[in-house]
Amino acid sequence: MAEGCPPLCRIFPVVKGAVANTDFDWYQFCRARPHLGEVNFWRPGTQNFKALLPGEPFFFKLKAPRNSICGFGRYSRFAIQPVWRAWDLFGDGNGAPTQLDLLRKLAGLSGGTAEINSNREIGCVAVADPVFFEPDDWVKPPDDWSRNIVSFSGYELSSGEGARIFRECLERSEARDETPGWVEESIEDVRRGRPVLIRPRLGQGSFRLAVLDAYGGACAVTTEHSLPAVEASHIRPFHMEGSHEVSNGIPLRRDIHRLFDLGFVTITPDRKFRVSPALEHDYANGKAYYAMEGQPIIQPQDPDLAADREALAWHGEEVFRT
């Protein structure tokens, strides 16, 4: 190992970034919505995306004739999803005002010959904490960028053109009135001589994808696998100081999700399903749910992603109707 290498260099790998082509309309739409903490850089095909690790920079490059980098963010995760699901997950973070507009954009990419079908699958590249530049602040693309690149190209950010575009994007962001925390951290790391991987917090869309992935897409109570019927539930809601961490989530069938949020069912810290007496008292029903009383929920393959016991205890004490 080279002498003088900063300690963080020994911990983190070489940081890479991806420069990807996008449309001006997508950029304009997202730039006008500063509330977006996460965007879906969707791709019309279903080819997998494995170019980056979560937290590595993802650069938005406008196609010719503008041919400039108009913003960047941090790669979060990738998934292939039907359009209806992508809309449920990211909403206007897809760069369109409605699901129909998103479908029309997809049809337009195929010359208008493709059927407008909400079950069509697309590649979803979730990008966290995006920053979009004003036209006067656009960054020159890499000098070695080829016109033949249709999708994206990867760059190491510690040297060459990768280092330049990363530095210039950080400088543009630093000059803004509001600078995301990860940008400030990255600026300090670059000034120390080397970019460092800063893993992003999951956004709402990425959270839901990650929770379902952790449990193989199944409801943790019923093992139901039908995608339209299963949702990622927060144990402690985000608006009540809950996080978008996978351990604060459980995949639940839609009806059980609703009952969970209203306190008619819960999951105990030892991860067993419970049903409140209030369900029968209020609605004189619930036999299907009482039949599952006390059964253990399924667990994710990675035990580190299991439902947090403290969050489950909070739900049992604060939400569940005893």
Protein backbone atom coordinates (compact mmCIF):
# COMPACT_ATOMS: atom_id res chain seq x y z
CA MET A 1 0.00 0.00 0.00
CA ALA A 2 1.35 3.41 -0.94
CA GLU A 3 2.73 5.60 1.84
CA GLY A 4 0.62 8.61 2.73
CA CYS A 5 -2.62 7.00 1.60
CA PRO A 6 -5.45 8.49 3.69
CA PRO A 7 -6.94 5.96 6.15
CA LEU A 8 -10.29 5.97 4.32
CA CYS A 9 -8.54 4.68 1.19
CA ARG A 10 -7.78 1.48 3.06
CA ILE A 11 -11.44 0.98 3.90
CA PHE A 12 -13.31 1.90 0.73
CA PRO A 13 -12.75 0.71 -2.86
CA VAL A 14 -12.05 3.00 -5.80
CA VAL A 15 -15.22 5.02 -6.30
CA LYS A 16 -16.79 4.93 -9.73
CA GLY A 17 -19.50 6.95 -11.40
CA ALA A 18 -21.81 6.46 -14.35
CA VAL A 19 -22.58 9.10 -16.96
CA ALA A 20 -25.95 8.33 -18.54
CA ASN A 21 -27.93 9.86 -21.39
CA THR A 22 -31.26 11.46 -20.59
CA ASP A 23 -33.92 13.58 -22.28
CA PHE A 24 -34.28 17.32 -21.81
CA ASP A 25 -37.97 16.94 -20.88
CA TRP A 26 -37.10 14.53 -18.02
CA TYR A 27 -34.49 16.99 -16.73
CA GLN A 28 -36.81 19.99 -16.99
CA PHE A 29 -39.62 18.19 -15.19
CA CYS A 30 -37.44 17.00 -12.31
CA ARG A 31 -35.53 20.29 -11.99
CA ALA A 32 -38.85 22.09 -11.43
CA ARG A 33 -39.60 19.82 -8.46
CA PRO A 34 -36.99 20.40 -5.76
CA HIS A 35 -39.04 18.29 -3.33
CA LEU A 36 -37.92 15.12 -5.10
CA GLY A 37 -35.53 13.29 -2.78
CA GLU A 38 -35.33 10.36 -5.18
CA VAL A 39 -35.85 9.97 -8.92
CA ASN A 40 -36.32 6.99 -11.19
CA PHE A 41 -33.86 7.15 -14.09
CA TRP A 42 -35.96 4.61 -15.95
CA ARG A 43 -34.81 2.69 -19.00
CA PRO A 44 -37.21 1.33 -21.65
CA GLY A 45 -35.52 -2.08 -21.80
CA THR A 46 -35.06 -4.77 -19.17
CA GLN A 47 -31.28 -5.06 -19.32
CA ASN A 48 -29.75 -5.30 -15.87
CA PHE A 49 -27.70 -2.44 -14.38
CA LYS A 50 -24.63 -3.49 -12.39
CA ALA A 51 -22.24 -0.62 -13.08
CA LEU A 52 -22.32 1.00 -9.63
CA LEU A 53 -22.43 0.26 -5.92
CA PRO A 54 -25.09 2.00 -3.80
CA GLY A 55 -23.83 5.49 -3.00
CA GLU A 56 -21.68 5.95 -6.10
CA PRO A 57 -22.44 9.06 -8.20
CA PHE A 58 -24.80 8.90 -11.15
CA PHE A 59 -24.49 11.78 -13.65
CA PHE A 60 -27.37 12.95 -15.85
CA LYS A 61 -26.12 13.82 -19.35
CA LEU A 62 -28.38 15.56 -21.85
CA LYS A 63 -28.37 14.13 -25.35
CA ALA A 64 -27.20 16.11 -28.38
CA PRO A 65 -27.44 18.92 -29.28
CA ARG A 66 -27.22 20.10 -25.64
CA ASN A 67 -24.65 17.44 -24.82
CA SER A 68 -24.00 18.54 -21.22
CA ILE A 69 -24.17 17.11 -17.71
CA CYS A 70 -27.24 18.72 -16.15
CA GLY A 71 -27.11 17.18 -12.69
CA PHE A 72 -26.19 14.18 -10.60
CA GLY A 73 -27.16 12.11 -7.56
CA ARG A 74 -26.28 8.90 -5.75
CA TYR A 75 -27.15 5.50 -7.17
CA SER A 76 -29.43 3.63 -4.77
CA ARG A 77 -30.64 0.41 -6.39
CA PHE A 78 -31.92 -1.19 -9.59
CA ALA A 79 -35.01 -3.28 -10.28
CA ILE A 80 -37.07 -4.36 -13.27
CA GLN A 81 -40.70 -3.42 -12.64
CA PRO A 82 -43.96 -3.05 -14.58
CA VAL A 83 -44.85 0.55 -15.33
CA TRP A 84 -47.76 0.58 -12.87
CA ARG A 85 -45.40 -0.52 -10.13
CA ALA A 86 -42.77 2.07 -11.07
CA TRP A 87 -45.46 4.72 -10.79
CA ASP A 88 -46.59 3.43 -7.40
CA LEU A 89 -43.00 3.51 -6.18
CA PHE A 90 -41.72 6.82 -7.54
CA GLY A 91 -44.73 8.87 -8.69
CA ASP A 92 -43.64 12.11 -10.35
CA GLY A 93 -40.06 11.09 -9.56
CA ASN A 94 -40.39 9.20 -12.85
CA GLY A 95 -40.11 12.55 -14.61
CA ALA A 96 -43.73 12.68 -15.76
CA PRO A 97 -46.92 14.18 -14.28
CA THR A 98 -49.07 11.04 -14.64
CA GLN A 99 -48.68 7.33 -15.32
CA LEU A 100 -50.34 7.85 -18.70
CA ASP A 101 -47.72 10.46 -19.61
CA LEU A 102 -45.01 7.99 -18.64
CA LEU A 103 -46.59 5.35 -20.88
CA ARG A 104 -46.79 7.85 -23.74
CA LYS A 105 -43.10 8.66 -23.34
CA LEU A 106 -42.30 4.95 -23.59
CA ALA A 107 -44.46 4.62 -26.68
CA GLY A 108 -42.73 7.63 -28.20
CA LEU A 109 -39.31 6.00 -27.78
CA SER A 110 -40.48 3.17 -30.02
CA GLY A 111 -41.80 5.53 -32.67
CA GLY A 112 -45.34 5.28 -31.38
CA THR A 113 -45.67 1.64 -32.41
CA ALA A 114 -45.57 0.14 -28.92
CA GLU A 115 -48.84 -0.62 -27.13
CA ILE A 116 -49.63 1.61 -24.17
CA ASN A 117 -49.60 -1.10 -21.54
CA SER A 118 -49.12 -0.51 -17.82
CA ASN A 119 -47.84 -4.08 -17.42
CA ARG A 120 -44.85 -3.35 -19.66
CA GLU A 121 -41.61 -3.85 -17.75
CA ILE A 122 -38.91 -1.19 -17.54
CA GLY A 123 -35.56 -0.90 -15.81
CA CYS A 124 -35.73 1.34 -12.76
CA VAL A 125 -32.49 3.00 -11.64
CA ALA A 126 -33.27 4.73 -8.34
CA VAL A 127 -31.09 7.81 -7.76
CA ALA A 128 -31.13 9.41 -4.31
CA ASP A 129 -30.65 13.08 -3.37
CA PRO A 130 -30.55 14.38 -6.95
CA VAL A 131 -29.17 17.82 -7.78
CA PHE A 132 -30.21 19.51 -11.03
CA PHE A 133 -28.23 22.46 -12.40
CA GLU A 134 -29.48 25.60 -14.09
CA PRO A 135 -28.49 25.73 -17.77
CA ASP A 136 -25.69 28.23 -17.06
CA ASP A 137 -24.15 25.68 -14.67
CA TRP A 138 -24.16 22.66 -16.94
CA VAL A 139 -20.91 20.69 -16.95
CA LYS A 140 -18.95 19.71 -20.03
CA PRO A 141 -19.21 15.95 -20.63
CA PRO A 142 -16.11 13.73 -20.60
CA ASP A 143 -13.73 14.49 -23.44
CA ASP A 144 -13.67 10.84 -24.39
CA TRP A 145 -17.46 10.53 -24.57
CA SER A 146 -18.43 8.75 -27.78
CA ARG A 147 -21.49 9.61 -29.84
CA ASN A 148 -22.08 5.87 -30.14
CA ILE A 149 -22.85 5.54 -26.42
CA VAL A 150 -26.60 4.99 -26.24
CA SER A 151 -27.08 4.37 -22.53
CA PHE A 152 -24.20 5.10 -20.13
CA SER A 153 -20.47 4.88 -19.55
CA GLY A 154 -18.56 4.28 -16.33
CA TYR A 155 -15.65 6.37 -14.99
CA GLU A 156 -13.28 6.17 -12.04
CA LEU A 157 -13.63 9.37 -10.04
CA SER A 158 -10.12 9.55 -8.62
CA SER A 159 -8.41 10.62 -11.85
CA GLY A 160 -8.89 11.82 -15.41
CA GLU A 161 -12.22 12.96 -16.80
CA GLY A 162 -14.13 11.18 -14.07
CA ALA A 163 -12.36 13.25 -11.42
CA ARG A 164 -13.00 16.46 -13.39
CA ILE A 165 -16.72 16.03 -13.88
CA PHE A 166 -17.19 14.94 -10.26
CA ARG A 167 -15.24 17.97 -8.99
CA GLU A 168 -17.13 20.39 -11.24
CA CYS A 169 -20.51 18.95 -10.26
CA LEU A 170 -19.60 19.29 -6.59
CA GLU A 171 -18.48 22.88 -7.15
CA ARG A 172 -21.76 23.73 -8.90
CA SER A 173 -23.69 22.16 -6.01
CA GLU A 174 -21.64 23.97 -3.36
CA ALA A 175 -22.61 27.31 -4.87
CA ARG A 176 -26.32 26.61 -4.49
CA ASP A 177 -28.44 27.97 -1.64
CA GLU A 178 -29.21 24.44 -0.43
CA THR A 179 -26.54 21.77 -0.61
CA PRO A 180 -27.34 18.11 0.21
CA GLY A 181 -25.32 16.73 3.09
CA TRP A 182 -23.71 14.05 0.95
CA VAL A 183 -22.35 16.76 -1.40
CA GLU A 184 -20.68 18.56 1.50
CA GLU A 185 -19.11 15.30 2.68
CA SER A 186 -17.93 14.49 -0.83
CA ILE A 187 -16.36 17.93 -1.24
CA GLU A 188 -14.28 17.38 1.88
CA ASP A 189 -13.25 13.90 0.73
CA VAL A 190 -12.16 15.17 -2.69
CA ARG A 191 -10.18 17.98 -1.06
CA ARG A 192 -8.38 15.33 0.99
CA GLY A 193 -7.35 13.75 -2.26
CA ARG A 194 -9.74 10.90 -2.84
CA PRO A 195 -13.51 10.41 -3.26
CA VAL A 196 -15.12 8.08 -0.72
CA LEU A 197 -18.23 5.96 -1.05
CA ILE A 198 -21.10 7.51 0.94
CA ARG A 199 -24.03 5.14 1.07
CA PRO A 200 -27.38 6.88 0.57
CA ARG A 201 -30.38 6.66 2.83
CA LEU A 202 -33.17 4.83 1.08
CA GLY A 203 -35.91 6.97 -0.42
CA GLN A 204 -39.54 5.90 -0.30
CA GLY A 205 -39.35 4.02 -3.60
CA SER A 206 -36.03 2.33 -2.82
CA PHE A 207 -37.30 1.41 0.64
CA ARG A 208 -40.28 -0.40 -0.79
CA LEU A 209 -38.15 -2.21 -3.34
CA ALA A 210 -35.60 -3.21 -0.72
CA VAL A 211 -38.17 -4.54 1.75
CA LEU A 212 -39.85 -6.71 -0.86
CA ASP A 213 -36.47 -7.94 -2.13
CA ALA A 214 -35.40 -8.89 1.40
CA TYR A 215 -38.40 -11.20 1.78
CA GLY A 216 -38.40 -12.57 -1.77
CA GLY A 217 -41.47 -10.52 -2.67
CA ALA A 218 -43.71 -12.42 -0.23
CA CYS A 219 -46.08 -11.22 2.46
CA ALA A 220 -44.34 -12.01 5.73
CA VAL A 221 -47.61 -13.24 7.27
CA THR A 222 -49.40 -15.13 4.47
CA THR A 223 -46.48 -15.79 2.02
CA GLU A 224 -48.66 -14.30 -0.75
CA HIS A 225 -46.40 -13.56 -3.76
CA SER A 226 -48.74 -11.74 -6.18
CA LEU A 227 -47.01 -8.40 -6.79
CA PRO A 228 -50.16 -6.24 -6.95
CA ALA A 229 -51.31 -7.64 -3.59
CA VAL A 230 -48.14 -7.13 -1.51
CA GLU A 231 -46.91 -3.82 -0.11
CA ALA A 232 -43.95 -2.69 1.98
CA SER A 233 -45.24 -1.47 5.32
CA HIS A 234 -43.36 0.83 7.67
CA ILE A 235 -43.40 -0.51 11.22
CA ARG A 236 -42.91 2.96 12.65
CA PRO A 237 -44.34 5.44 10.09
CA PHE A 238 -41.96 7.90 8.48
CA HIS A 239 -44.06 10.86 9.68
CA MET A 240 -43.65 9.56 13.24
CA GLU A 241 -39.84 9.50 13.19
CA GLY A 242 -39.64 6.14 11.45
CA SER A 243 -36.88 5.54 8.94
CA HIS A 244 -36.69 4.14 5.43
CA GLU A 245 -34.41 1.37 6.71
CA VAL A 246 -35.29 -2.18 5.65
CA SER A 247 -35.40 -3.22 9.31
CA ASN A 248 -38.25 -0.72 9.79
CA GLY A 249 -40.31 -2.48 7.14
CA ILE A 250 -42.32 -5.65 6.63
CA PRO A 251 -43.97 -6.81 3.39
CA LEU A 252 -47.68 -7.34 3.99
CA ARG A 253 -50.67 -8.25 1.88
CA ARG A 254 -52.71 -5.12 1.26
CA ASP A 255 -55.56 -5.96 3.63
CA ILE A 256 -53.15 -6.88 6.42
CA HIS A 257 -51.12 -3.72 5.75
CA ARG A 258 -54.25 -1.65 6.26
CA LEU A 259 -55.13 -3.48 9.48
CA PHE A 260 -51.54 -3.10 10.68
CA ASP A 261 -51.56 0.66 10.12
CA LEU A 262 -54.91 0.98 11.96
CA GLY A 263 -53.76 -1.15 14.89
CA PHE A 264 -56.08 -4.11 14.40
CA VAL A 265 -53.08 -6.44 13.95
CA THR A 266 -49.44 -6.27 14.99
CA ILE A 267 -46.25 -8.31 14.96
CA THR A 268 -44.62 -8.92 18.32
CA PRO A 269 -40.92 -8.38 19.07
CA ASP A 270 -40.46 -12.15 18.83
CA ARG A 271 -41.96 -11.77 15.33
CA LYS A 272 -45.31 -13.45 15.75
CA PHE A 273 -48.62 -12.29 14.29
CA ARG A 274 -51.28 -10.97 16.67
CA VAL A 275 -54.87 -9.86 16.08
CA SER A 276 -56.65 -7.34 18.29
CA PRO A 277 -59.98 -8.23 19.97
CA ALA A 278 -61.14 -4.84 18.63
CA LEU A 279 -61.46 -6.29 15.13
CA GLU A 280 -64.23 -8.65 16.19
CA HIS A 281 -65.72 -6.10 18.59
CA ASP A 282 -65.92 -3.30 16.00
CA TYR A 283 -66.83 -5.33 12.92
CA ALA A 284 -68.13 -8.70 14.20
CA ASN A 285 -65.75 -10.40 11.79
CA GLY A 286 -62.10 -11.22 11.20
CA LYS A 287 -62.17 -15.02 11.31
CA ALA A 288 -59.57 -15.30 8.56
CA TYR A 289 -57.15 -13.18 10.58
CA TYR A 290 -57.79 -14.80 13.97
CA ALA A 291 -56.93 -18.13 12.33
CA MET A 292 -53.36 -16.81 11.92
CA GLU A 293 -53.07 -15.59 15.53
CA GLY A 294 -49.70 -16.45 17.05
CA GLN A 295 -48.06 -17.81 13.94
CA PRO A 296 -44.44 -16.70 13.27
CA ILE A 297 -43.81 -14.49 10.28
CA ILE A 298 -41.30 -15.49 7.62
CA GLN A 299 -37.82 -14.01 7.94
CA PRO A 300 -35.52 -12.43 5.33
CA GLN A 301 -32.56 -14.49 4.14
CA ASP A 302 -30.21 -11.85 5.55
CA PRO A 303 -30.80 -11.75 9.34
CA ASP A 304 -29.43 -8.18 9.46
CA LEU A 305 -32.53 -7.08 7.52
CA ALA A 306 -35.04 -8.63 9.93
CA ALA A 307 -37.76 -6.47 11.45
CA ASP A 308 -36.35 -4.35 14.26
CA ARG A 309 -37.54 -5.60 17.66
CA GLU A 310 -37.67 -2.11 19.19
CA ALA A 311 -39.80 -0.83 16.29
CA LEU A 312 -42.14 -3.80 16.69
CA ALA A 313 -42.41 -3.13 20.43
CA TRP A 314 -43.25 0.52 19.64
CA HIS A 315 -46.03 -0.57 17.27
CA GLY A 316 -47.43 -2.96 19.88
CA GLU A 317 -47.47 -0.25 22.55
CA GLU A 318 -48.48 2.81 20.52
CA VAL A 319 -50.63 1.54 17.62
CA PHE A 320 -52.00 -1.92 18.43
CA ARG A 321 -55.50 -1.92 19.98
CA THR A 322 -55.31 -4.05 23.08
